[in-house]
């Protein structure tokens, strides 16, 4: 079993930055694709960014490309998401999710991820 805990969310003004973190515990996670999703009330959980096990590949949703950066530190079992140039439409609960198969791709379907954190709220004011 893997336990994921997000942190770093909060209130930010449009144009400012936040950095989200996701800490993993329970089992080693350095062999697995790790991603961020977000969700707003009444909407499906949507893919934001993902990173393969060795950071060799990253992928981003078009809405965040050029503004958000995903990274990971396998030695610390940590995942990060740097959110720059924030917009009000980035307001959501952000979740980290771990894919539990040995793949070198980055699935964007939330159903393919096995472990999820509890989420951290990001609110961007205009």
Foldseek 3Di string as FASTA:
>chain_A
DKAKAKDWADEAAAQAKTKMKIAIDDDQQLQWKKFKWWDDPPDDIWGAKIAGSVSPDMDGDPVQPPAKDWDADRVRRMIMIMGGRDDQVVWTWMKMFIQPDRDGDHDGDPVRTDDIYPTDTHGYHD
